[in-house]
């Protein structure tokens, strides 16, 4: 079983735990705008996996 940290997508489903996307998780002040941006970016990322995209093998990008 894999450790679920930021998100998981498989079988045309995505799961995005929100806890680590909040600034408070890192003992920083609450930042609602940053949280919304992180949720949006993570959602788009996981939807890419749902639609069959993989991570880019070129780590320099």
PDB file of N, CA and C in Angstrom:
ATOM      1  N   UNK A   1       0.845  -1.176   0.000  1.00  0.00           N
ATOM      2  CA  UNK A   1       0.000   0.000   0.000  1.00  0.00           C
ATOM      3  C   UNK A   1       0.892   1.241   0.000  1.00  0.00           C
ATOM      4  N   UNK A   2       0.592   2.174  -0.893  1.00  0.00           N
ATOM      5  CA  UNK A   2       1.382   3.397  -1.015  1.00  0.00           C
ATOM      6  C   UNK A   2       0.910   4.441  -0.009  1.00  0.00           C
ATOM      7  N   UNK A   3       1.837   5.255   0.404  1.00  0.00           N
ATOM      8  CA  UNK A   3       1.518   6.361   1.296  1.00  0.00           C
ATOM      9  C   UNK A   3       0.888   7.485   0.467  1.00  0.00           C
ATOM     10  N   UNK A   4      -0.292   7.876   0.821  1.00  0.00           N
ATOM     11  CA  UNK A   4      -0.986   8.940   0.107  1.00  0.00           C
ATOM     12  C   UNK A   4      -0.593  10.273   0.719  1.00  0.00           C
ATOM     13  N   UNK A   5       0.060  11.100  -0.061  1.00  0.00           N
ATOM     14  CA  UNK A   5       0.513  12.375   0.483  1.00  0.00           C
ATOM     15  C   UNK A   5      -0.267  13.545  -0.104  1.00  0.00           C
ATOM     16  N   UNK A   6      -0.148  13.773  -1.411  1.00  0.00           N
ATOM     17  CA  UNK A   6      -0.775  14.939  -2.007  1.00  0.00           C
ATOM     18  C   UNK A   6      -1.939  14.611  -2.926  1.00  0.00           C
ATOM     19  N   UNK A   7      -1.968  13.431  -3.502  1.00  0.00           N
ATOM     20  CA  UNK A   7      -3.068  13.078  -4.393  1.00  0.00           C
ATOM     21  C   UNK A   7      -2.848  11.733  -5.050  1.00  0.00           C
ATOM     22  N   UNK A   8      -3.920  11.219  -5.604  1.00  0.00           N
ATOM     23  CA  UNK A   8      -3.896   9.905  -6.230  1.00  0.00           C
ATOM     24  C   UNK A   8      -4.945   9.885  -7.322  1.00  0.00           C
ATOM     25  N   UNK A   9      -4.587   9.347  -8.479  1.00  0.00           N
ATOM     26  CA  UNK A   9      -5.550   9.196  -9.561  1.00  0.00           C
ATOM     27  C   UNK A   9      -5.362   7.813 -10.177  1.00  0.00           C
ATOM     28  N   UNK A  10      -6.481   7.101 -10.301  1.00  0.00           N
ATOM     29  CA  UNK A  10      -6.450   5.808 -10.986  1.00  0.00           C
ATOM     30  C   UNK A  10      -7.880   5.384 -11.282  1.00  0.00           C
ATOM     31  N   UNK A  11      -8.028   4.554 -12.280  1.00  0.00           N
ATOM     32  CA  UNK A  11      -9.347   4.036 -12.666  1.00  0.00           C
ATOM     33  C   UNK A  11     -10.363   5.166 -12.872  1.00  0.00           C
ATOM     34  N   UNK A  12      -9.927   6.231 -13.513  1.00  0.00           N
ATOM     35  CA  UNK A  12     -10.773   7.389 -13.819  1.00  0.00           C
ATOM     36  C   UNK A  12     -11.387   8.032 -12.580  1.00  0.00           C
ATOM     37  N   UNK A  13     -10.643   7.989 -11.485  1.00  0.00           N
ATOM     38  CA  UNK A  13     -11.055   8.645 -10.241  1.00  0.00           C
ATOM     39  C   UNK A  13      -9.843   9.363  -9.663  1.00  0.00           C
ATOM     40  N   UNK A  14     -10.090  10.453  -8.966  1.00  0.00           N
ATOM     41  CA  UNK A  14      -8.995  11.173  -8.318  1.00  0.00           C
ATOM     42  C   UNK A  14      -9.358  11.466  -6.868  1.00  0.00           C
ATOM     43  N   UNK A  15      -8.359  11.394  -6.025  1.00  0.00           N
ATOM     44  CA  UNK A  15      -8.522  11.706  -4.608  1.00  0.00           C
ATOM     45  C   UNK A  15      -7.472  12.752  -4.253  1.00  0.00           C
ATOM     46  N   UNK A  16      -7.923  13.857  -3.675  1.00  0.00           N
ATOM     47  CA  UNK A  16      -7.011  14.931  -3.320  1.00  0.00           C
ATOM     48  C   UNK A  16      -7.218  15.297  -1.851  1.00  0.00           C
ATOM     49  N   UNK A  17      -6.381  14.795  -0.960  1.00  0.00           N
ATOM     50  CA  UNK A  17      -6.472  15.211   0.442  1.00  0.00           C
ATOM     51  C   UNK A  17      -6.092  16.689   0.552  1.00  0.00           C
ATOM     52  N   UNK A  18      -6.843  17.448   1.286  1.00  0.00           N
ATOM     53  CA  UNK A  18      -6.627  18.886   1.363  1.00  0.00           C
ATOM     54  C   UNK A  18      -5.712  19.306   2.500  1.00  0.00           C
ATOM     55  N   UNK A  19      -5.463  18.444   3.449  1.00  0.00           N
ATOM     56  CA  UNK A  19      -4.719  18.809   4.645  1.00  0.00           C
ATOM     57  C   UNK A  19      -3.359  19.417   4.326  1.00  0.00           C
ATOM     58  N   UNK A  20      -2.583  18.770   3.477  1.00  0.00           N
ATOM     59  CA  UNK A  20      -1.224  19.253   3.186  1.00  0.00           C
ATOM     60  C   UNK A  20      -1.200  20.441   2.246  1.00  0.00           C
ATOM     61  N   UNK A  21      -2.343  20.803   1.691  1.00  0.00           N
ATOM     62  CA  UNK A  21      -2.399  21.976   0.826  1.00  0.00           C
ATOM     63  C   UNK A  21      -2.629  23.255   1.628  1.00  0.00           C
ATOM     64  N   UNK A  22      -2.961  23.112   2.886  1.00  0.00           N
ATOM     65  CA  UNK A  22      -3.201  24.275   3.760  1.00  0.00           C
ATOM     66  C   UNK A  22      -1.890  24.750   4.373  1.00  0.00           C
ATOM     67  N   UNK A  23      -1.707  26.054   4.412  1.00  0.00           N
ATOM     68  CA  UNK A  23      -0.497  26.633   5.018  1.00  0.00           C
ATOM     69  C   UNK A  23      -0.348  26.220   6.470  1.00  0.00           C
ATOM     70  N   UNK A  24      -1.474  26.100   7.165  1.00  0.00           N
ATOM     71  CA  UNK A  24      -1.440  25.761   8.592  1.00  0.00           C
ATOM     72  C   UNK A  24      -0.767  24.408   8.853  1.00  0.00           C
ATOM     73  N   UNK A  25      -0.809  23.501   7.888  1.00  0.00           N
ATOM     74  CA  UNK A  25      -0.159  22.201   8.043  1.00  0.00           C
ATOM     75  C   UNK A  25       1.339  22.389   8.297  1.00  0.00           C
ATOM     76  N   UNK A  26       1.906  23.431   7.694  1.00  0.00           N
ATOM     77  CA  UNK A  26       3.332  23.722   7.817  1.00  0.00           C
ATOM     78  C   UNK A  26       3.601  24.783   8.884  1.00  0.00           C
ATOM     79  N   UNK A  27       2.608  24.987   9.759  1.00  0.00           N
ATOM     80  CA  UNK A  27       2.693  25.948  10.862  1.00  0.00           C
ATOM     81  C   UNK A  27       2.912  27.377  10.378  1.00  0.00           C
ATOM     82  N   UNK A  28       2.301  27.696   9.240  1.00  0.00           N
ATOM     83  CA  UNK A  28       2.329  29.041   8.698  1.00  0.00           C
ATOM     84  C   UNK A  28       0.940  29.654   8.856  1.00  0.00           C
ATOM     85  N   UNK A  29       0.838  30.964   8.734  1.00  0.00           N
ATOM     86  CA  UNK A  29      -0.478  31.601   8.859  1.00  0.00           C
ATOM     87  C   UNK A  29      -1.437  31.132   7.763  1.00  0.00           C
ATOM     88  N   UNK A  30      -2.706  31.120   8.088  1.00  0.00           N
ATOM     89  CA  UNK A  30      -3.735  30.748   7.117  1.00  0.00           C
ATOM     90  C   UNK A  30      -3.685  31.705   5.935  1.00  0.00           C
ATOM     91  N   UNK A  31      -3.808  31.138   4.734  1.00  0.00           N
ATOM     92  CA  UNK A  31      -3.796  31.938   3.509  1.00  0.00           C
ATOM     93  C   UNK A  31      -4.817  31.327   2.552  1.00  0.00           C
ATOM     94  N   UNK A  32      -6.028  31.869   2.575  1.00  0.00           N
ATOM     95  CA  UNK A  32      -7.129  31.301   1.796  1.00  0.00           C
ATOM     96  C   UNK A  32      -6.856  31.354   0.292  1.00  0.00           C
ATOM     97  N   UNK A  33      -6.247  32.446  -0.184  1.00  0.00           N
ATOM     98  CA  UNK A  33      -5.959  32.551  -1.621  1.00  0.00           C
ATOM     99  C   UNK A  33      -4.936  31.513  -2.063  1.00  0.00           C
ATOM    100  N   UNK A  34      -3.892  31.328  -1.274  1.00  0.00           N
ATOM    101  CA  UNK A  34      -2.885  30.313  -1.586  1.00  0.00           C
ATOM    102  C   UNK A  34      -3.514  28.922  -1.567  1.00  0.00           C
ATOM    103  N   UNK A  35      -4.352  28.657  -0.596  1.00  0.00           N
ATOM    104  CA  UNK A  35      -5.031  27.358  -0.513  1.00  0.00           C
ATOM    105  C   UNK A  35      -5.861  27.110  -1.774  1.00  0.00           C
ATOM    106  N   UNK A  36      -6.620  28.105  -2.218  1.00  0.00           N
ATOM    107  CA  UNK A  36      -7.436  27.953  -3.429  1.00  0.00           C
ATOM    108  C   UNK A  36      -6.568  27.681  -4.655  1.00  0.00           C
ATOM    109  N   UNK A  37      -5.442  28.397  -4.767  1.00  0.00           N
ATOM    110  CA  UNK A  37      -4.541  28.167  -5.902  1.00  0.00           C
ATOM    111  C   UNK A  37      -3.960  26.756  -5.860  1.00  0.00           C
ATOM    112  N   UNK A  38      -3.573  26.302  -4.674  1.00  0.00           N
ATOM    113  CA  UNK A  38      -3.019  24.942  -4.545  1.00  0.00           C
ATOM    114  C   UNK A  38      -4.069  23.882  -4.907  1.00  0.00           C
ATOM    115  N   UNK A  39      -5.291  24.079  -4.448  1.00  0.00           N
ATOM    116  CA  UNK A  39      -6.362  23.120  -4.766  1.00  0.00           C
ATOM    117  C   UNK A  39      -6.596  23.085  -6.274  1.00  0.00           C
ATOM    118  N   UNK A  40      -6.646  24.250  -6.904  1.00  0.00           N
ATOM    119  CA  UNK A  40      -6.860  24.296  -8.350  1.00  0.00           C
ATOM    120  C   UNK A  40      -5.738  23.594  -9.103  1.00  0.00           C
ATOM    121  N   UNK A  41      -4.479  23.902  -8.745  1.00  0.00           N
ATOM    122  CA  UNK A  41      -3.340  23.274  -9.414  1.00  0.00           C
ATOM    123  C   UNK A  41      -3.336  21.762  -9.210  1.00  0.00           C
ATOM    124  N   UNK A  42      -3.617  21.327  -7.994  1.00  0.00           N
ATOM    125  CA  UNK A  42      -3.610  19.886  -7.712  1.00  0.00           C
ATOM    126  C   UNK A  42      -4.742  19.188  -8.442  1.00  0.00           C
ATOM    127  N   UNK A  43      -5.898  19.841  -8.525  1.00  0.00           N
ATOM    128  CA  UNK A  43      -7.034  19.261  -9.238  1.00  0.00           C
ATOM    129  C   UNK A  43      -6.707  19.081 -10.712  1.00  0.00           C
ATOM    130  N   UNK A  44      -6.139  20.105 -11.330  1.00  0.00           N
ATOM    131  CA  UNK A  44      -5.755  20.006 -12.746  1.00  0.00           C
ATOM    132  C   UNK A  44      -4.715  18.907 -12.933  1.00  0.00           C
ATOM    133  N   UNK A  45      -3.751  18.824 -12.029  1.00  0.00           N
ATOM    134  CA  UNK A  45      -2.717  17.792 -12.092  1.00  0.00           C
ATOM    135  C   UNK A  45      -3.326  16.387 -12.046  1.00  0.00           C
ATOM    136  N   UNK A  46      -4.185  16.147 -11.071  1.00  0.00           N
ATOM    137  CA  UNK A  46      -4.780  14.811 -10.928  1.00  0.00           C
ATOM    138  C   UNK A  46      -5.733  14.499 -12.076  1.00  0.00           C
ATOM    139  N   UNK A  47      -6.464  15.490 -12.569  1.00  0.00           N
ATOM    140  CA  UNK A  47      -7.327  15.251 -13.735  1.00  0.00           C
ATOM    141  C   UNK A  47      -6.498  14.863 -14.960  1.00  0.00           C
ATOM    142  N   UNK A  48      -5.299  15.420 -15.084  1.00  0.00           N
ATOM    143  CA  UNK A  48      -4.407  14.990 -16.160  1.00  0.00           C
ATOM    144  C   UNK A  48      -4.132  13.502 -16.078  1.00  0.00           C
ATOM    145  N   UNK A  49      -3.894  12.991 -14.866  1.00  0.00           N
ATOM    146  CA  UNK A  49      -3.687  11.547 -14.696  1.00  0.00           C
ATOM    147  C   UNK A  49      -4.962  10.773 -15.011  1.00  0.00           C
ATOM    148  N   UNK A  50      -6.112  11.284 -14.587  1.00  0.00           N
ATOM    149  CA  UNK A  50      -7.384  10.614 -14.883  1.00  0.00           C
ATOM    150  C   UNK A  50      -7.560  10.460 -16.392  1.00  0.00           C
ATOM    151  N   UNK A  51      -7.129  11.470 -17.154  1.00  0.00           N
ATOM    152  CA  UNK A  51      -7.277  11.436 -18.607  1.00  0.00           C
ATOM    153  C   UNK A  51      -6.099  10.779 -19.308  1.00  0.00           C
ATOM    154  N   UNK A  52      -5.222  10.130 -18.536  1.00  0.00           N
ATOM    155  CA  UNK A  52      -4.178   9.303 -19.134  1.00  0.00           C
ATOM    156  C   UNK A  52      -2.802   9.927 -19.240  1.00  0.00           C
ATOM    157  N   UNK A  53      -2.618  11.139 -18.771  1.00  0.00           N
ATOM    158  CA  UNK A  53      -1.292  11.753 -18.836  1.00  0.00           C
ATOM    159  C   UNK A  53      -0.426  11.253 -17.685  1.00  0.00           C
ATOM    160  N   UNK A  54       0.862  11.114 -17.962  1.00  0.00           N
ATOM    161  CA  UNK A  54       1.809  10.700 -16.939  1.00  0.00           C
ATOM    162  C   UNK A  54       2.705  11.885 -16.612  1.00  0.00           C
ATOM    163  N   UNK A  55       3.579  11.740 -15.624  1.00  0.00           N
ATOM    164  CA  UNK A  55       4.543  12.794 -15.329  1.00  0.00           C
ATOM    165  C   UNK A  55       5.560  12.862 -16.447  1.00  0.00           C
ATOM    166  N   UNK A  56       6.058  14.046 -16.710  1.00  0.00           N
ATOM    167  CA  UNK A  56       7.083  14.247 -17.731  1.00  0.00           C
ATOM    168  C   UNK A  56       8.388  13.610 -17.240  1.00  0.00           C
ATOM    169  N   UNK A  57       9.016  12.763 -18.073  1.00  0.00           N
ATOM    170  CA  UNK A  57      10.268  12.131 -17.649  1.00  0.00           C
ATOM    171  C   UNK A  57      11.442  13.115 -17.603  1.00  0.00           C
ATOM    172  N   UNK A  58      11.302  14.291 -18.226  1.00  0.00           N
ATOM    173  CA  UNK A  58      12.353  15.302 -18.252  1.00  0.00           C
ATOM    174  C   UNK A  58      12.221  16.161 -17.009  1.00  0.00           C
ATOM    175  N   UNK A  59      13.034  15.896 -15.990  1.00  0.00           N
ATOM    176  CA  UNK A  59      12.936  16.593 -14.715  1.00  0.00           C
ATOM    177  C   UNK A  59      13.504  18.014 -14.771  1.00  0.00           C
ATOM    178  N   UNK A  60      14.052  18.428 -15.929  1.00  0.00           N
ATOM    179  CA  UNK A  60      14.631  19.766 -16.034  1.00  0.00           C
ATOM    180  C   UNK A  60      13.574  20.818 -16.383  1.00  0.00           C
ATOM    181  N   UNK A  61      12.375  20.416 -16.684  1.00  0.00           N
ATOM    182  CA  UNK A  61      11.337  21.360 -17.084  1.00  0.00           C
ATOM    183  C   UNK A  61      10.661  21.969 -15.887  1.00  0.00           C
TER     184      UNK A  61
END
